[in-house]
Amino acid sequence: MSGKIKLMIDKIINDKSKGNSTIAKCTYTKLILKGIAVDRYTASSPDDKEVMDKISKIAKELGVTL
C-alpha cells in the first residue's frame, strides 16, 4: 500500500493539534526538525520502511499511537 507515510504524518499532526492550527503548524515544524520532509510525501508516495520506523519513533516520543 502506498501513501502509508502520509497517513502516519497526518495522524501525528491531527492527534497532537486536535483542530488547533497553531499546534498543527508547530507539530509540522517538529517533524521537519526531526528529519521528516513532510511535504515530500503524498498519498501516492511509495512506502519506505526506514522512514516509517523513524516516524513511528517520533510518534512515540510525542505520545501519539499509530
PDB file of N, CA and C in Angstrom:
ATOM      1  N   MET A   1       0.837  -1.187   0.000  1.00  0.00           N
ATOM      2  CA  MET A   1       0.000   0.000   0.000  1.00  0.00           C
ATOM      3  C   MET A   1       0.874   1.240   0.000  1.00  0.00           C
ATOM      4  N   SER A   2       0.721   2.071  -0.978  1.00  0.00           N
ATOM      5  CA  SER A   2       1.498   3.301  -0.999  1.00  0.00           C
ATOM      6  C   SER A   2       0.747   4.388  -0.237  1.00  0.00           C
ATOM      7  N   GLY A   3       1.487   5.373   0.232  1.00  0.00           N
ATOM      8  CA  GLY A   3       0.884   6.502   0.934  1.00  0.00           C
ATOM      9  C   GLY A   3       0.764   6.325   2.433  1.00  0.00           C
ATOM     10  N   LYS A   4       1.295   5.235   2.969  1.00  0.00           N
ATOM     11  CA  LYS A   4       1.181   5.000   4.404  1.00  0.00           C
ATOM     12  C   LYS A   4       1.952   6.052   5.201  1.00  0.00           C
ATOM     13  N   ILE A   5       3.071   6.527   4.669  1.00  0.00           N
ATOM     14  CA  ILE A   5       3.860   7.555   5.353  1.00  0.00           C
ATOM     15  C   ILE A   5       3.030   8.824   5.511  1.00  0.00           C
ATOM     16  N   LYS A   6       2.335   9.217   4.463  1.00  0.00           N
ATOM     17  CA  LYS A   6       1.479  10.406   4.511  1.00  0.00           C
ATOM     18  C   LYS A   6       0.397  10.243   5.571  1.00  0.00           C
ATOM     19  N   LEU A   7      -0.200   9.054   5.636  1.00  0.00           N
ATOM     20  CA  LEU A   7      -1.235   8.797   6.644  1.00  0.00           C
ATOM     21  C   LEU A   7      -0.667   8.895   8.063  1.00  0.00           C
ATOM     22  N   MET A   8       0.543   8.377   8.257  1.00  0.00           N
ATOM     23  CA  MET A   8       1.183   8.437   9.568  1.00  0.00           C
ATOM     24  C   MET A   8       1.452   9.878   9.975  1.00  0.00           C
ATOM     25  N   ILE A   9       1.979  10.664   9.044  1.00  0.00           N
ATOM     26  CA  ILE A   9       2.270  12.077   9.316  1.00  0.00           C
ATOM     27  C   ILE A   9       0.985  12.825   9.659  1.00  0.00           C
ATOM     28  N   ASP A  10      -0.053  12.607   8.867  1.00  0.00           N
ATOM     29  CA  ASP A  10      -1.332  13.277   9.109  1.00  0.00           C
ATOM     30  C   ASP A  10      -1.915  12.901  10.466  1.00  0.00           C
ATOM     31  N   LYS A  11      -1.797  11.632  10.846  1.00  0.00           N
ATOM     32  CA  LYS A  11      -2.319  11.195  12.140  1.00  0.00           C
ATOM     33  C   LYS A  11      -1.585  11.878  13.285  1.00  0.00           C
ATOM     34  N   ILE A  12      -0.270  11.975  13.188  1.00  0.00           N
ATOM     35  CA  ILE A  12       0.508  12.641  14.236  1.00  0.00           C
ATOM     36  C   ILE A  12       0.059  14.095  14.371  1.00  0.00           C
ATOM     37  N   ILE A  13      -0.020  14.791  13.246  1.00  0.00           N
ATOM     38  CA  ILE A  13      -0.396  16.210  13.276  1.00  0.00           C
ATOM     39  C   ILE A  13      -1.821  16.379  13.813  1.00  0.00           C
ATOM     40  N   ASN A  14      -2.752  15.562  13.346  1.00  0.00           N
ATOM     41  CA  ASN A  14      -4.149  15.678  13.792  1.00  0.00           C
ATOM     42  C   ASN A  14      -4.320  15.329  15.266  1.00  0.00           C
ATOM     43  N   ASP A  15      -3.657  14.274  15.711  1.00  0.00           N
ATOM     44  CA  ASP A  15      -3.794  13.866  17.111  1.00  0.00           C
ATOM     45  C   ASP A  15      -3.186  14.894  18.065  1.00  0.00           C
ATOM     46  N   LYS A  16      -2.062  15.465  17.686  1.00  0.00           N
ATOM     47  CA  LYS A  16      -1.423  16.465  18.547  1.00  0.00           C
ATOM     48  C   LYS A  16      -2.179  17.795  18.545  1.00  0.00           C
ATOM     49  N   SER A  17      -2.685  18.202  17.399  1.00  0.00           N
ATOM     50  CA  SER A  17      -3.285  19.541  17.285  1.00  0.00           C
ATOM     51  C   SER A  17      -4.736  19.590  17.745  1.00  0.00           C
ATOM     52  N   LYS A  18      -5.470  18.497  17.582  1.00  0.00           N
ATOM     53  CA  LYS A  18      -6.892  18.446  17.940  1.00  0.00           C
ATOM     54  C   LYS A  18      -7.651  19.648  17.389  1.00  0.00           C
ATOM     55  N   GLY A  19      -7.331  20.018  16.143  1.00  0.00           N
ATOM     56  CA  GLY A  19      -8.035  21.098  15.469  1.00  0.00           C
ATOM     57  C   GLY A  19      -7.434  22.485  15.650  1.00  0.00           C
ATOM     58  N   ASN A  20      -6.430  22.625  16.491  1.00  0.00           N
ATOM     59  CA  ASN A  20      -5.783  23.914  16.722  1.00  0.00           C
ATOM     60  C   ASN A  20      -4.700  24.114  15.653  1.00  0.00           C
ATOM     61  N   SER A  21      -4.896  25.111  14.797  1.00  0.00           N
ATOM     62  CA  SER A  21      -3.980  25.310  13.673  1.00  0.00           C
ATOM     63  C   SER A  21      -2.572  25.702  14.115  1.00  0.00           C
ATOM     64  N   THR A  22      -2.444  26.402  15.218  1.00  0.00           N
ATOM     65  CA  THR A  22      -1.122  26.798  15.706  1.00  0.00           C
ATOM     66  C   THR A  22      -0.331  25.570  16.159  1.00  0.00           C
ATOM     67  N   ILE A  23      -0.985  24.685  16.886  1.00  0.00           N
ATOM     68  CA  ILE A  23      -0.315  23.467  17.332  1.00  0.00           C
ATOM     69  C   ILE A  23      -0.011  22.563  16.142  1.00  0.00           C
ATOM     70  N   ALA A  24      -0.890  22.552  15.147  1.00  0.00           N
ATOM     71  CA  ALA A  24      -0.645  21.760  13.930  1.00  0.00           C
ATOM     72  C   ALA A  24       0.626  22.248  13.239  1.00  0.00           C
ATOM     73  N   LYS A  25       0.794  23.553  13.129  1.00  0.00           N
ATOM     74  CA  LYS A  25       1.999  24.110  12.499  1.00  0.00           C
ATOM     75  C   LYS A  25       3.243  23.800  13.321  1.00  0.00           C
ATOM     76  N   CYS A  26       3.130  23.855  14.638  1.00  0.00           N
ATOM     77  CA  CYS A  26       4.270  23.527  15.498  1.00  0.00           C
ATOM     78  C   CYS A  26       4.660  22.054  15.355  1.00  0.00           C
ATOM     79  N   THR A  27       3.670  21.177  15.297  1.00  0.00           N
ATOM     80  CA  THR A  27       3.933  19.745  15.130  1.00  0.00           C
ATOM     81  C   THR A  27       4.563  19.479  13.765  1.00  0.00           C
ATOM     82  N   TYR A  28       4.054  20.146  12.745  1.00  0.00           N
ATOM     83  CA  TYR A  28       4.606  20.061  11.392  1.00  0.00           C
ATOM     84  C   TYR A  28       6.092  20.449  11.425  1.00  0.00           C
ATOM     85  N   THR A  29       6.390  21.545  12.108  1.00  0.00           N
ATOM     86  CA  THR A  29       7.768  22.021  12.214  1.00  0.00           C
ATOM     87  C   THR A  29       8.634  21.033  12.988  1.00  0.00           C
ATOM     88  N   LYS A  30       8.095  20.439  14.058  1.00  0.00           N
ATOM     89  CA  LYS A  30       8.849  19.441  14.831  1.00  0.00           C
ATOM     90  C   LYS A  30       9.242  18.264  13.951  1.00  0.00           C
ATOM     91  N   LEU A  31       8.312  17.818  13.106  1.00  0.00           N
ATOM     92  CA  LEU A  31       8.615  16.699  12.211  1.00  0.00           C
ATOM     93  C   LEU A  31       9.745  17.067  11.253  1.00  0.00           C
ATOM     94  N   ILE A  32       9.710  18.279  10.727  1.00  0.00           N
ATOM     95  CA  ILE A  32      10.773  18.726   9.820  1.00  0.00           C
ATOM     96  C   ILE A  32      12.108  18.774  10.562  1.00  0.00           C
ATOM     97  N   LEU A  33      12.101  19.317  11.775  1.00  0.00           N
ATOM     98  CA  LEU A  33      13.338  19.415  12.547  1.00  0.00           C
ATOM     99  C   LEU A  33      13.896  18.041  12.934  1.00  0.00           C
ATOM    100  N   LYS A  34      13.029  17.056  13.017  1.00  0.00           N
ATOM    101  CA  LYS A  34      13.471  15.699  13.335  1.00  0.00           C
ATOM    102  C   LYS A  34      13.854  14.912  12.084  1.00  0.00           C
ATOM    103  N   GLY A  35      13.843  15.573  10.918  1.00  0.00           N
ATOM    104  CA  GLY A  35      14.345  14.942   9.699  1.00  0.00           C
ATOM    105  C   GLY A  35      13.307  14.371   8.759  1.00  0.00           C
ATOM    106  N   ILE A  36      12.040  14.671   8.976  1.00  0.00           N
ATOM    107  CA  ILE A  36      10.986  14.174   8.090  1.00  0.00           C
ATOM    108  C   ILE A  36      10.559  15.307   7.159  1.00  0.00           C
ATOM    109  N   ALA A  37      10.805  15.128   5.872  1.00  0.00           N
ATOM    110  CA  ALA A  37      10.420  16.133   4.860  1.00  0.00           C
ATOM    111  C   ALA A  37       8.930  15.958   4.575  1.00  0.00           C
ATOM    112  N   VAL A  38       8.110  16.574   5.398  1.00  0.00           N
ATOM    113  CA  VAL A  38       6.660  16.374   5.380  1.00  0.00           C
ATOM    114  C   VAL A  38       6.053  16.598   4.005  1.00  0.00           C
ATOM    115  N   ASP A  39       6.442  17.653   3.321  1.00  0.00           N
ATOM    116  CA  ASP A  39       5.876  17.975   2.009  1.00  0.00           C
ATOM    117  C   ASP A  39       6.276  16.996   0.916  1.00  0.00           C
ATOM    118  N   ARG A  40       7.268  16.194   1.170  1.00  0.00           N
ATOM    119  CA  ARG A  40       7.768  15.246   0.175  1.00  0.00           C
ATOM    120  C   ARG A  40       6.831  14.050  -0.008  1.00  0.00           C
ATOM    121  N   TYR A  41       6.032  13.761   0.996  1.00  0.00           N
ATOM    122  CA  TYR A  41       5.201  12.559   0.975  1.00  0.00           C
ATOM    123  C   TYR A  41       3.757  12.887   0.623  1.00  0.00           C
ATOM    124  N   THR A  42       3.225  12.109  -0.323  1.00  0.00           N
ATOM    125  CA  THR A  42       1.839  12.262  -0.760  1.00  0.00           C
ATOM    126  C   THR A  42       1.137  10.910  -0.648  1.00  0.00           C
ATOM    127  N   ALA A  43      -0.130  10.883  -1.021  1.00  0.00           N
ATOM    128  CA  ALA A  43      -0.888   9.640  -0.963  1.00  0.00           C
ATOM    129  C   ALA A  43      -0.360   8.600  -1.946  1.00  0.00           C
ATOM    130  N   SER A  44       0.398   9.040  -2.951  1.00  0.00           N
ATOM    131  CA  SER A  44       0.937   8.099  -3.929  1.00  0.00           C
ATOM    132  C   SER A  44       2.429   7.811  -3.730  1.00  0.00           C
ATOM    133  N   SER A  45       3.012   8.330  -2.656  1.00  0.00           N
ATOM    134  CA  SER A  45       4.434   8.080  -2.380  1.00  0.00           C
ATOM    135  C   SER A  45       4.641   6.630  -1.980  1.00  0.00           C
ATOM    136  N   PRO A  46       5.713   6.008  -2.474  1.00  0.00           N
ATOM    137  CA  PRO A  46       5.985   4.623  -2.073  1.00  0.00           C
ATOM    138  C   PRO A  46       6.382   4.557  -0.599  1.00  0.00           C
ATOM    139  N   ASP A  47       6.051   3.458   0.036  1.00  0.00           N
ATOM    140  CA  ASP A  47       6.375   3.270   1.447  1.00  0.00           C
ATOM    141  C   ASP A  47       7.847   2.891   1.593  1.00  0.00           C
ATOM    142  N   ASP A  48       8.514   3.521   2.555  1.00  0.00           N
ATOM    143  CA  ASP A  48       9.916   3.263   2.846  1.00  0.00           C
ATOM    144  C   ASP A  48       9.998   2.828   4.306  1.00  0.00           C
ATOM    145  N   LYS A  49      10.433   1.608   4.520  1.00  0.00           N
ATOM    146  CA  LYS A  49      10.463   1.023   5.866  1.00  0.00           C
ATOM    147  C   LYS A  49      11.269   1.876   6.846  1.00  0.00           C
ATOM    148  N   GLU A  50      12.414   2.404   6.421  1.00  0.00           N
ATOM    149  CA  GLU A  50      13.256   3.208   7.314  1.00  0.00           C
ATOM    150  C   GLU A  50      12.542   4.481   7.754  1.00  0.00           C
ATOM    151  N   VAL A  51      11.880   5.157   6.812  1.00  0.00           N
ATOM    152  CA  VAL A  51      11.155   6.388   7.127  1.00  0.00           C
ATOM    153  C   VAL A  51       9.980   6.073   8.049  1.00  0.00           C
ATOM    154  N   MET A  52       9.291   4.983   7.775  1.00  0.00           N
ATOM    155  CA  MET A  52       8.152   4.602   8.607  1.00  0.00           C
ATOM    156  C   MET A  52       8.596   4.285  10.037  1.00  0.00           C
ATOM    157  N   ASP A  53       9.739   3.644  10.180  1.00  0.00           N
ATOM    158  CA  ASP A  53      10.275   3.364  11.514  1.00  0.00           C
ATOM    159  C   ASP A  53      10.633   4.664  12.235  1.00  0.00           C
ATOM    160  N   LYS A  54      11.214   5.602  11.506  1.00  0.00           N
ATOM    161  CA  LYS A  54      11.587   6.895  12.087  1.00  0.00           C
ATOM    162  C   LYS A  54      10.340   7.664  12.535  1.00  0.00           C
ATOM    163  N   ILE A  55       9.304   7.636  11.711  1.00  0.00           N
ATOM    164  CA  ILE A  55       8.059   8.323  12.058  1.00  0.00           C
ATOM    165  C   ILE A  55       7.409   7.654  13.271  1.00  0.00           C
ATOM    166  N   SER A  56       7.461   6.344  13.331  1.00  0.00           N
ATOM    167  CA  SER A  56       6.905   5.631  14.485  1.00  0.00           C
ATOM    168  C   SER A  56       7.623   6.028  15.767  1.00  0.00           C
ATOM    169  N   LYS A  57       8.923   6.160  15.697  1.00  0.00           N
ATOM    170  CA  LYS A  57       9.709   6.567  16.858  1.00  0.00           C
ATOM    171  C   LYS A  57       9.340   7.991  17.283  1.00  0.00           C
ATOM    172  N   ILE A  58       9.199   8.884  16.323  1.00  0.00           N
ATOM    173  CA  ILE A  58       8.819  10.266  16.624  1.00  0.00           C
ATOM    174  C   ILE A  58       7.421  10.297  17.242  1.00  0.00           C
ATOM    175  N   ALA A  59       6.503   9.511  16.700  1.00  0.00           N
ATOM    176  CA  ALA A  59       5.140   9.460  17.239  1.00  0.00           C
ATOM    177  C   ALA A  59       5.160   9.020  18.697  1.00  0.00           C
ATOM    178  N   LYS A  60       5.975   8.026  18.984  1.00  0.00           N
ATOM    179  CA  LYS A  60       6.082   7.544  20.361  1.00  0.00           C
ATOM    180  C   LYS A  60       6.620   8.640  21.269  1.00  0.00           C
ATOM    181  N   GLU A  61       7.622   9.397  20.798  1.00  0.00           N
ATOM    182  CA  GLU A  61       8.175  10.498  21.577  1.00  0.00           C
ATOM    183  C   GLU A  61       7.124  11.572  21.854  1.00  0.00           C
ATOM    184  N   LEU A  62       6.239  11.784  20.880  1.00  0.00           N
ATOM    185  CA  LEU A  62       5.203  12.817  21.001  1.00  0.00           C
ATOM    186  C   LEU A  62       3.944  12.312  21.705  1.00  0.00           C
ATOM    187  N   GLY A  63       3.917  11.033  22.036  1.00  0.00           N
ATOM    188  CA  GLY A  63       2.780  10.469  22.741  1.00  0.00           C
ATOM    189  C   GLY A  63       1.590  10.147  21.851  1.00  0.00           C
ATOM    190  N   VAL A  64       1.863   9.870  20.572  1.00  0.00           N
ATOM    191  CA  VAL A  64       0.805   9.544  19.628  1.00  0.00           C
ATOM    192  C   VAL A  64       0.883   8.063  19.287  1.00  0.00           C
ATOM    193  N   THR A  65      -0.254   7.387  19.331  1.00  0.00           N
ATOM    194  CA  THR A  65      -0.321   5.973  18.968  1.00  0.00           C
ATOM    195  C   THR A  65      -0.721   5.861  17.512  1.00  0.00           C
ATOM    196  N   LEU A  66       0.104   5.171  16.742  1.00  0.00           N
ATOM    197  CA  LEU A  66      -0.192   4.987  15.310  1.00  0.00           C
ATOM    198  C   LEU A  66      -0.866   3.667  15.049  1.00  0.00           C
TER     199      LEU A  66
END
